[in-house]
Amino acid sequence: MADSYFPHLKWDQLIAATQETLYMTALSGIATFILGLILGLALFLTARGSLFQNRTIYGVISVVVNVFRSIPFIILIVLLIPFTKTIIGTILGANAALPALIVGAAPFYARLVEIALREVDKGVIEATRSMGARLSTLIFRVLIPESSPALVSGITVTLIALVSYSAMAGVIGAGGLGNLAYLEGFQRNHNDVTLVATVTILVIVFIIQFIGDALTKYLDKR
């Protein structure tokens, strides 16, 4: 029955492409979360009126974040080709997409982290500081726990963006569902392959959104 509706679809290719998309999204998502959290904390802590106010450091980080956040992803992939080839050894395959995915998504998430941290009650921060708490205590016992619902909501949005980015990366040979939809679907005029690949991407996005919403709701104690 399935073969009659999708005559050009090879299920082993679909499974392999789905695994590549999940692989790219998961690894780049973890790296984006860590790097974005670090950059977001640096932006928050060095901002005007914050604990370690420093216009120079804030300005430099802010410019870097804004620049990489503003570059269209497809252009960013091309710009990073020499860098990718140096550290990965190739510009093809799922691993080759990781540097561009991380560089493209981490600045975006960093801004979401900064916004989330700004929403933390300043009274709680001041109370923690007045008790002589270390910076590590302030970060891991106050800032991150208090902003966790917004942080999870932000990484959910970022992961969905990464799925989209991975599809674009697939067009230039990074593998995944985007590559399947483009090479096997669009270029060969196999609309059934394009349709199934698109629906699979949508399913992944819906699952990420569902899990993210559920976790955000669980963490939000208000």
C-alpha atoms as a PDB file:
ATOM      1  CA  MET A   1       0.000   0.000   0.000  1.00  0.00           C
ATOM      2  CA  ALA A   2       2.760   2.453   0.993  1.00  0.00           C
ATOM      3  CA  ASP A   3       4.662   1.682  -2.206  1.00  0.00           C
ATOM      4  CA  SER A   4       1.698   2.699  -4.322  1.00  0.00           C
ATOM      5  CA  TYR A   5       1.429   6.097  -2.604  1.00  0.00           C
ATOM      6  CA  PHE A   6       5.197   6.688  -2.386  1.00  0.00           C
ATOM      7  CA  PRO A   7       6.669   4.851  -5.377  1.00  0.00           C
ATOM      8  CA  HIS A   8      10.017   6.638  -5.312  1.00  0.00           C
ATOM      9  CA  LEU A   9      10.595   6.560  -1.562  1.00  0.00           C
ATOM     10  CA  LYS A  10      13.260   4.230  -0.188  1.00  0.00           C
ATOM     11  CA  TRP A  11      12.524   3.687   3.471  1.00  0.00           C
ATOM     12  CA  ASP A  12      16.119   2.889   4.386  1.00  0.00           C
ATOM     13  CA  GLN A  13      17.138   6.283   2.944  1.00  0.00           C
ATOM     14  CA  LEU A  14      14.390   7.997   4.938  1.00  0.00           C
ATOM     15  CA  ILE A  15      15.482   6.319   8.174  1.00  0.00           C
ATOM     16  CA  ALA A  16      19.150   7.171   7.565  1.00  0.00           C
ATOM     17  CA  ALA A  17      18.285  10.793   6.708  1.00  0.00           C
ATOM     18  CA  THR A  18      16.112  11.111   9.830  1.00  0.00           C
ATOM     19  CA  GLN A  19      18.929   9.757  11.991  1.00  0.00           C
ATOM     20  CA  GLU A  20      21.358  12.265  10.450  1.00  0.00           C
ATOM     21  CA  THR A  21      18.953  15.147  11.120  1.00  0.00           C
ATOM     22  CA  LEU A  22      18.465  14.038  14.744  1.00  0.00           C
ATOM     23  CA  TYR A  23      22.243  13.622  15.117  1.00  0.00           C
ATOM     24  CA  MET A  24      22.968  17.121  13.801  1.00  0.00           C
ATOM     25  CA  THR A  25      20.208  18.677  15.894  1.00  0.00           C
ATOM     26  CA  ALA A  26      21.188  16.871  19.109  1.00  0.00           C
ATOM     27  CA  LEU A  27      24.937  17.542  18.983  1.00  0.00           C
ATOM     28  CA  SER A  28      24.638  21.122  17.815  1.00  0.00           C
ATOM     29  CA  GLY A  29      21.832  21.649  20.347  1.00  0.00           C
ATOM     30  CA  ILE A  30      24.016  20.530  23.254  1.00  0.00           C
ATOM     31  CA  ALA A  31      26.931  22.696  22.107  1.00  0.00           C
ATOM     32  CA  THR A  32      24.587  25.636  21.473  1.00  0.00           C
ATOM     33  CA  PHE A  33      23.078  25.338  24.943  1.00  0.00           C
ATOM     34  CA  ILE A  34      26.489  25.359  26.652  1.00  0.00           C
ATOM     35  CA  LEU A  35      28.048  28.102  24.514  1.00  0.00           C
ATOM     36  CA  GLY A  36      24.863  30.194  24.454  1.00  0.00           C
ATOM     37  CA  LEU A  37      24.528  29.928  28.227  1.00  0.00           C
ATOM     38  CA  ILE A  38      28.125  31.093  28.720  1.00  0.00           C
ATOM     39  CA  LEU A  39      27.719  34.014  26.308  1.00  0.00           C
ATOM     40  CA  GLY A  40      24.341  34.946  27.780  1.00  0.00           C
ATOM     41  CA  LEU A  41      25.727  34.932  31.320  1.00  0.00           C
ATOM     42  CA  ALA A  42      28.670  37.064  30.193  1.00  0.00           C
ATOM     43  CA  LEU A  43      26.297  39.562  28.572  1.00  0.00           C
ATOM     44  CA  PHE A  44      24.085  39.706  31.662  1.00  0.00           C
ATOM     45  CA  LEU A  45      26.915  40.014  34.188  1.00  0.00           C
ATOM     46  CA  THR A  46      28.809  42.728  32.283  1.00  0.00           C
ATOM     47  CA  ALA A  47      25.769  44.786  31.250  1.00  0.00           C
ATOM     48  CA  ARG A  48      25.244  48.310  32.590  1.00  0.00           C
ATOM     49  CA  GLY A  49      24.107  48.230  36.207  1.00  0.00           C
ATOM     50  CA  SER A  50      24.949  44.547  36.621  1.00  0.00           C
ATOM     51  CA  LEU A  51      27.362  42.838  39.005  1.00  0.00           C
ATOM     52  CA  PHE A  52      30.480  43.139  36.847  1.00  0.00           C
ATOM     53  CA  GLN A  53      29.576  46.090  34.672  1.00  0.00           C
ATOM     54  CA  ASN A  54      32.136  46.451  31.897  1.00  0.00           C
ATOM     55  CA  ARG A  55      31.223  48.395  28.777  1.00  0.00           C
ATOM     56  CA  THR A  56      34.180  47.098  26.774  1.00  0.00           C
ATOM     57  CA  ILE A  57      33.592  43.397  27.407  1.00  0.00           C
ATOM     58  CA  TYR A  58      29.843  43.760  26.980  1.00  0.00           C
ATOM     59  CA  GLY A  59      30.319  45.721  23.774  1.00  0.00           C
ATOM     60  CA  VAL A  60      32.689  43.183  22.230  1.00  0.00           C
ATOM     61  CA  ILE A  61      30.503  40.181  23.088  1.00  0.00           C
ATOM     62  CA  SER A  62      27.376  42.022  21.989  1.00  0.00           C
ATOM     63  CA  VAL A  63      28.867  42.902  18.597  1.00  0.00           C
ATOM     64  CA  VAL A  64      30.042  39.318  18.006  1.00  0.00           C
ATOM     65  CA  VAL A  65      26.625  37.947  18.966  1.00  0.00           C
ATOM     66  CA  ASN A  66      24.790  40.454  16.785  1.00  0.00           C
ATOM     67  CA  VAL A  67      27.016  39.851  13.770  1.00  0.00           C
ATOM     68  CA  PHE A  68      26.725  36.056  13.748  1.00  0.00           C
ATOM     69  CA  ARG A  69      23.041  36.193  14.667  1.00  0.00           C
ATOM     70  CA  SER A  70      22.346  38.424  11.678  1.00  0.00           C
ATOM     71  CA  ILE A  71      24.146  36.480   8.946  1.00  0.00           C
ATOM     72  CA  PRO A  72      21.704  34.336   6.912  1.00  0.00           C
ATOM     73  CA  PHE A  73      22.477  30.698   7.652  1.00  0.00           C
ATOM     74  CA  ILE A  74      23.044  29.629   4.058  1.00  0.00           C
ATOM     75  CA  ILE A  75      25.670  32.390   3.712  1.00  0.00           C
ATOM     76  CA  LEU A  76      27.231  31.450   7.058  1.00  0.00           C
ATOM     77  CA  ILE A  77      27.744  27.889   5.828  1.00  0.00           C
ATOM     78  CA  VAL A  78      29.668  29.174   2.819  1.00  0.00           C
ATOM     79  CA  LEU A  79      31.747  31.587   4.913  1.00  0.00           C
ATOM     80  CA  LEU A  80      32.725  28.793   7.301  1.00  0.00           C
ATOM     81  CA  ILE A  81      33.755  26.312   4.597  1.00  0.00           C
ATOM     82  CA  PRO A  82      37.541  26.896   5.134  1.00  0.00           C
ATOM     83  CA  PHE A  83      37.117  26.620   8.918  1.00  0.00           C
ATOM     84  CA  THR A  84      34.940  23.511   8.591  1.00  0.00           C
ATOM     85  CA  LYS A  85      37.393  21.830   6.234  1.00  0.00           C
ATOM     86  CA  THR A  86      40.257  22.582   8.634  1.00  0.00           C
ATOM     87  CA  ILE A  87      38.671  21.069  11.746  1.00  0.00           C
ATOM     88  CA  ILE A  88      36.471  18.357  10.192  1.00  0.00           C
ATOM     89  CA  GLY A  89      38.510  17.511   7.109  1.00  0.00           C
ATOM     90  CA  THR A  90      35.552  17.677   4.733  1.00  0.00           C
ATOM     91  CA  ILE A  91      32.620  19.916   3.861  1.00  0.00           C
ATOM     92  CA  LEU A  92      30.245  17.008   3.215  1.00  0.00           C
ATOM     93  CA  GLY A  93      28.254  14.926   5.685  1.00  0.00           C
ATOM     94  CA  ALA A  94      26.483  15.513   8.979  1.00  0.00           C
ATOM     95  CA  ASN A  95      29.649  16.324  10.953  1.00  0.00           C
ATOM     96  CA  ALA A  96      30.585  19.036   8.458  1.00  0.00           C
ATOM     97  CA  ALA A  97      27.343  20.872   9.248  1.00  0.00           C
ATOM     98  CA  LEU A  98      28.010  21.064  12.986  1.00  0.00           C
ATOM     99  CA  PRO A  99      30.342  24.128  13.054  1.00  0.00           C
ATOM    100  CA  ALA A 100      27.909  26.255  11.034  1.00  0.00           C
ATOM    101  CA  LEU A 101      24.933  25.030  13.073  1.00  0.00           C
ATOM    102  CA  ILE A 102      26.626  25.902  16.351  1.00  0.00           C
ATOM    103  CA  VAL A 103      28.002  29.258  15.193  1.00  0.00           C
ATOM    104  CA  GLY A 104      24.621  30.162  13.757  1.00  0.00           C
ATOM    105  CA  ALA A 105      22.489  29.122  16.730  1.00  0.00           C
ATOM    106  CA  ALA A 106      24.644  29.908  19.799  1.00  0.00           C
ATOM    107  CA  PRO A 107      24.474  33.733  19.414  1.00  0.00           C
ATOM    108  CA  PHE A 108      20.704  33.508  18.918  1.00  0.00           C
ATOM    109  CA  TYR A 109      20.323  31.491  22.121  1.00  0.00           C
ATOM    110  CA  ALA A 110      22.749  33.781  23.976  1.00  0.00           C
ATOM    111  CA  ARG A 111      20.346  36.691  23.513  1.00  0.00           C
ATOM    112  CA  LEU A 112      17.469  34.561  24.790  1.00  0.00           C
ATOM    113  CA  VAL A 113      19.569  33.636  27.837  1.00  0.00           C
ATOM    114  CA  GLU A 114      20.364  37.291  28.505  1.00  0.00           C
ATOM    115  CA  ILE A 115      16.667  38.196  28.321  1.00  0.00           C
ATOM    116  CA  ALA A 116      15.746  35.290  30.613  1.00  0.00           C
ATOM    117  CA  LEU A 117      18.332  36.320  33.236  1.00  0.00           C
ATOM    118  CA  ARG A 118      17.085  39.904  33.221  1.00  0.00           C
ATOM    119  CA  GLU A 119      13.700  38.611  34.370  1.00  0.00           C
ATOM    120  CA  VAL A 120      15.168  37.178  37.590  1.00  0.00           C
ATOM    121  CA  ASP A 121      14.026  39.121  40.654  1.00  0.00           C
ATOM    122  CA  LYS A 122      16.785  41.603  41.497  1.00  0.00           C
ATOM    123  CA  GLY A 123      15.849  41.340  45.164  1.00  0.00           C
ATOM    124  CA  VAL A 124      16.794  37.660  45.185  1.00  0.00           C
ATOM    125  CA  ILE A 125      20.116  38.464  43.528  1.00  0.00           C
ATOM    126  CA  GLU A 126      20.911  41.230  46.023  1.00  0.00           C
ATOM    127  CA  ALA A 127      19.927  39.019  48.959  1.00  0.00           C
ATOM    128  CA  THR A 128      22.266  36.292  47.720  1.00  0.00           C
ATOM    129  CA  ARG A 129      25.119  38.785  47.271  1.00  0.00           C
ATOM    130  CA  SER A 130      24.564  40.280  50.722  1.00  0.00           C
ATOM    131  CA  MET A 131      25.133  36.847  52.255  1.00  0.00           C
ATOM    132  CA  GLY A 132      28.582  36.750  50.654  1.00  0.00           C
ATOM    133  CA  ALA A 133      27.759  34.095  48.078  1.00  0.00           C
ATOM    134  CA  ARG A 134      30.383  33.286  45.467  1.00  0.00           C
ATOM    135  CA  LEU A 135      29.787  33.939  41.802  1.00  0.00           C
ATOM    136  CA  SER A 136      29.412  30.207  41.153  1.00  0.00           C
ATOM    137  CA  THR A 137      26.750  30.003  43.861  1.00  0.00           C
ATOM    138  CA  LEU A 138      24.907  32.982  42.399  1.00  0.00           C
ATOM    139  CA  ILE A 139      24.944  31.455  38.921  1.00  0.00           C
ATOM    140  CA  PHE A 140      24.081  27.841  39.743  1.00  0.00           C
ATOM    141  CA  ARG A 141      21.842  28.380  42.782  1.00  0.00           C
ATOM    142  CA  VAL A 142      19.998  31.548  41.800  1.00  0.00           C
ATOM    143  CA  LEU A 143      20.293  32.768  38.209  1.00  0.00           C
ATOM    144  CA  ILE A 144      19.938  29.487  36.335  1.00  0.00           C
ATOM    145  CA  PRO A 145      17.262  27.906  38.596  1.00  0.00           C
ATOM    146  CA  GLU A 146      15.179  31.097  38.707  1.00  0.00           C
ATOM    147  CA  SER A 147      15.314  31.538  34.935  1.00  0.00           C
ATOM    148  CA  SER A 148      15.046  27.830  34.035  1.00  0.00           C
ATOM    149  CA  PRO A 149      11.534  27.998  32.483  1.00  0.00           C
ATOM    150  CA  ALA A 150      12.633  30.772  30.112  1.00  0.00           C
ATOM    151  CA  LEU A 151      15.931  28.988  29.404  1.00  0.00           C
ATOM    152  CA  VAL A 152      14.100  25.788  28.450  1.00  0.00           C
ATOM    153  CA  SER A 153      11.610  27.730  26.356  1.00  0.00           C
ATOM    154  CA  GLY A 154      14.521  29.454  24.615  1.00  0.00           C
ATOM    155  CA  ILE A 155      16.403  26.240  23.853  1.00  0.00           C
ATOM    156  CA  THR A 156      13.168  24.745  22.510  1.00  0.00           C
ATOM    157  CA  VAL A 157      12.865  27.590  20.003  1.00  0.00           C
ATOM    158  CA  THR A 158      16.565  27.231  19.175  1.00  0.00           C
ATOM    159  CA  LEU A 159      16.323  23.471  18.602  1.00  0.00           C
ATOM    160  CA  ILE A 160      13.458  24.025  16.183  1.00  0.00           C
ATOM    161  CA  ALA A 161      15.595  26.601  14.379  1.00  0.00           C
ATOM    162  CA  LEU A 162      18.426  24.035  14.264  1.00  0.00           C
ATOM    163  CA  VAL A 163      16.141  21.515  12.562  1.00  0.00           C
ATOM    164  CA  SER A 164      15.427  24.163   9.933  1.00  0.00           C
ATOM    165  CA  TYR A 165      19.130  25.018   9.648  1.00  0.00           C
ATOM    166  CA  SER A 166      20.038  21.335   9.223  1.00  0.00           C
ATOM    167  CA  ALA A 167      17.557  21.090   6.339  1.00  0.00           C
ATOM    168  CA  MET A 168      19.246  24.059   4.640  1.00  0.00           C
ATOM    169  CA  ALA A 169      22.668  22.528   5.271  1.00  0.00           C
ATOM    170  CA  GLY A 170      21.435  19.353   3.591  1.00  0.00           C
ATOM    171  CA  VAL A 171      20.979  21.231   0.330  1.00  0.00           C
ATOM    172  CA  ILE A 172      24.754  21.697   0.052  1.00  0.00           C
ATOM    173  CA  GLY A 173      25.637  18.137   1.019  1.00  0.00           C
ATOM    174  CA  ALA A 174      25.377  17.941   4.793  1.00  0.00           C
ATOM    175  CA  GLY A 175      22.997  14.986   4.702  1.00  0.00           C
ATOM    176  CA  GLY A 176      19.775  14.632   6.624  1.00  0.00           C
ATOM    177  CA  LEU A 177      16.187  15.152   5.555  1.00  0.00           C
ATOM    178  CA  GLY A 178      16.977  18.390   3.733  1.00  0.00           C
ATOM    179  CA  ASN A 179      19.475  16.572   1.563  1.00  0.00           C
ATOM    180  CA  LEU A 180      16.965  13.790   0.893  1.00  0.00           C
ATOM    181  CA  ALA A 181      14.215  16.259  -0.041  1.00  0.00           C
ATOM    182  CA  TYR A 182      16.519  18.190  -2.357  1.00  0.00           C
ATOM    183  CA  LEU A 183      18.519  15.455  -4.099  1.00  0.00           C
ATOM    184  CA  GLU A 184      16.015  12.610  -4.204  1.00  0.00           C
ATOM    185  CA  GLY A 185      12.887  14.739  -4.245  1.00  0.00           C
ATOM    186  CA  PHE A 186      13.309  18.108  -5.923  1.00  0.00           C
ATOM    187  CA  GLN A 187      16.124  17.387  -8.389  1.00  0.00           C
ATOM    188  CA  ARG A 188      14.560  14.133  -9.587  1.00  0.00           C
ATOM    189  CA  ASN A 189      11.018  15.527  -9.504  1.00  0.00           C
ATOM    190  CA  HIS A 190       9.942  12.884  -6.976  1.00  0.00           C
ATOM    191  CA  ASN A 191       7.274  14.835  -5.122  1.00  0.00           C
ATOM    192  CA  ASP A 192       6.420  11.915  -2.861  1.00  0.00           C
ATOM    193  CA  VAL A 193       9.964  11.917  -1.438  1.00  0.00           C
ATOM    194  CA  THR A 194       9.851  15.674  -0.846  1.00  0.00           C
ATOM    195  CA  LEU A 195       6.468  15.349   0.867  1.00  0.00           C
ATOM    196  CA  VAL A 196       7.522  12.543   3.216  1.00  0.00           C
ATOM    197  CA  ALA A 197      10.785  14.300   4.121  1.00  0.00           C
ATOM    198  CA  THR A 198       8.874  17.504   4.874  1.00  0.00           C
ATOM    199  CA  VAL A 199       6.293  15.707   7.011  1.00  0.00           C
ATOM    200  CA  THR A 200       9.079  13.952   8.920  1.00  0.00           C
ATOM    201  CA  ILE A 201      10.712  17.311   9.667  1.00  0.00           C
ATOM    202  CA  LEU A 202       7.356  18.641  10.889  1.00  0.00           C
ATOM    203  CA  VAL A 203       6.920  15.631  13.174  1.00  0.00           C
ATOM    204  CA  ILE A 204      10.378  16.223  14.690  1.00  0.00           C
ATOM    205  CA  VAL A 205       9.517  19.899  15.251  1.00  0.00           C
ATOM    206  CA  PHE A 206       6.181  19.038  16.899  1.00  0.00           C
ATOM    207  CA  ILE A 207       7.864  16.529  19.225  1.00  0.00           C
ATOM    208  CA  ILE A 208      10.534  19.058  20.244  1.00  0.00           C
ATOM    209  CA  GLN A 209       7.864  21.704  20.881  1.00  0.00           C
ATOM    210  CA  PHE A 210       5.725  19.290  22.926  1.00  0.00           C
ATOM    211  CA  ILE A 211       8.626  18.194  25.121  1.00  0.00           C
ATOM    212  CA  GLY A 212       9.840  21.786  25.525  1.00  0.00           C
ATOM    213  CA  ASP A 213       6.377  23.067  26.498  1.00  0.00           C
ATOM    214  CA  ALA A 214       5.879  20.227  28.989  1.00  0.00           C
ATOM    215  CA  LEU A 215       9.276  20.811  30.609  1.00  0.00           C
ATOM    216  CA  THR A 216       8.737  24.585  30.749  1.00  0.00           C
ATOM    217  CA  LYS A 217       5.368  24.087  32.433  1.00  0.00           C
ATOM    218  CA  TYR A 218       6.916  21.665  34.942  1.00  0.00           C
ATOM    219  CA  LEU A 219       9.712  24.097  35.862  1.00  0.00           C
ATOM    220  CA  ASP A 220       7.465  27.155  36.109  1.00  0.00           C
ATOM    221  CA  LYS A 221       6.424  27.324  39.765  1.00  0.00           C
ATOM    222  CA  ARG A 222       4.400  30.512  39.413  1.00  0.00           C
END
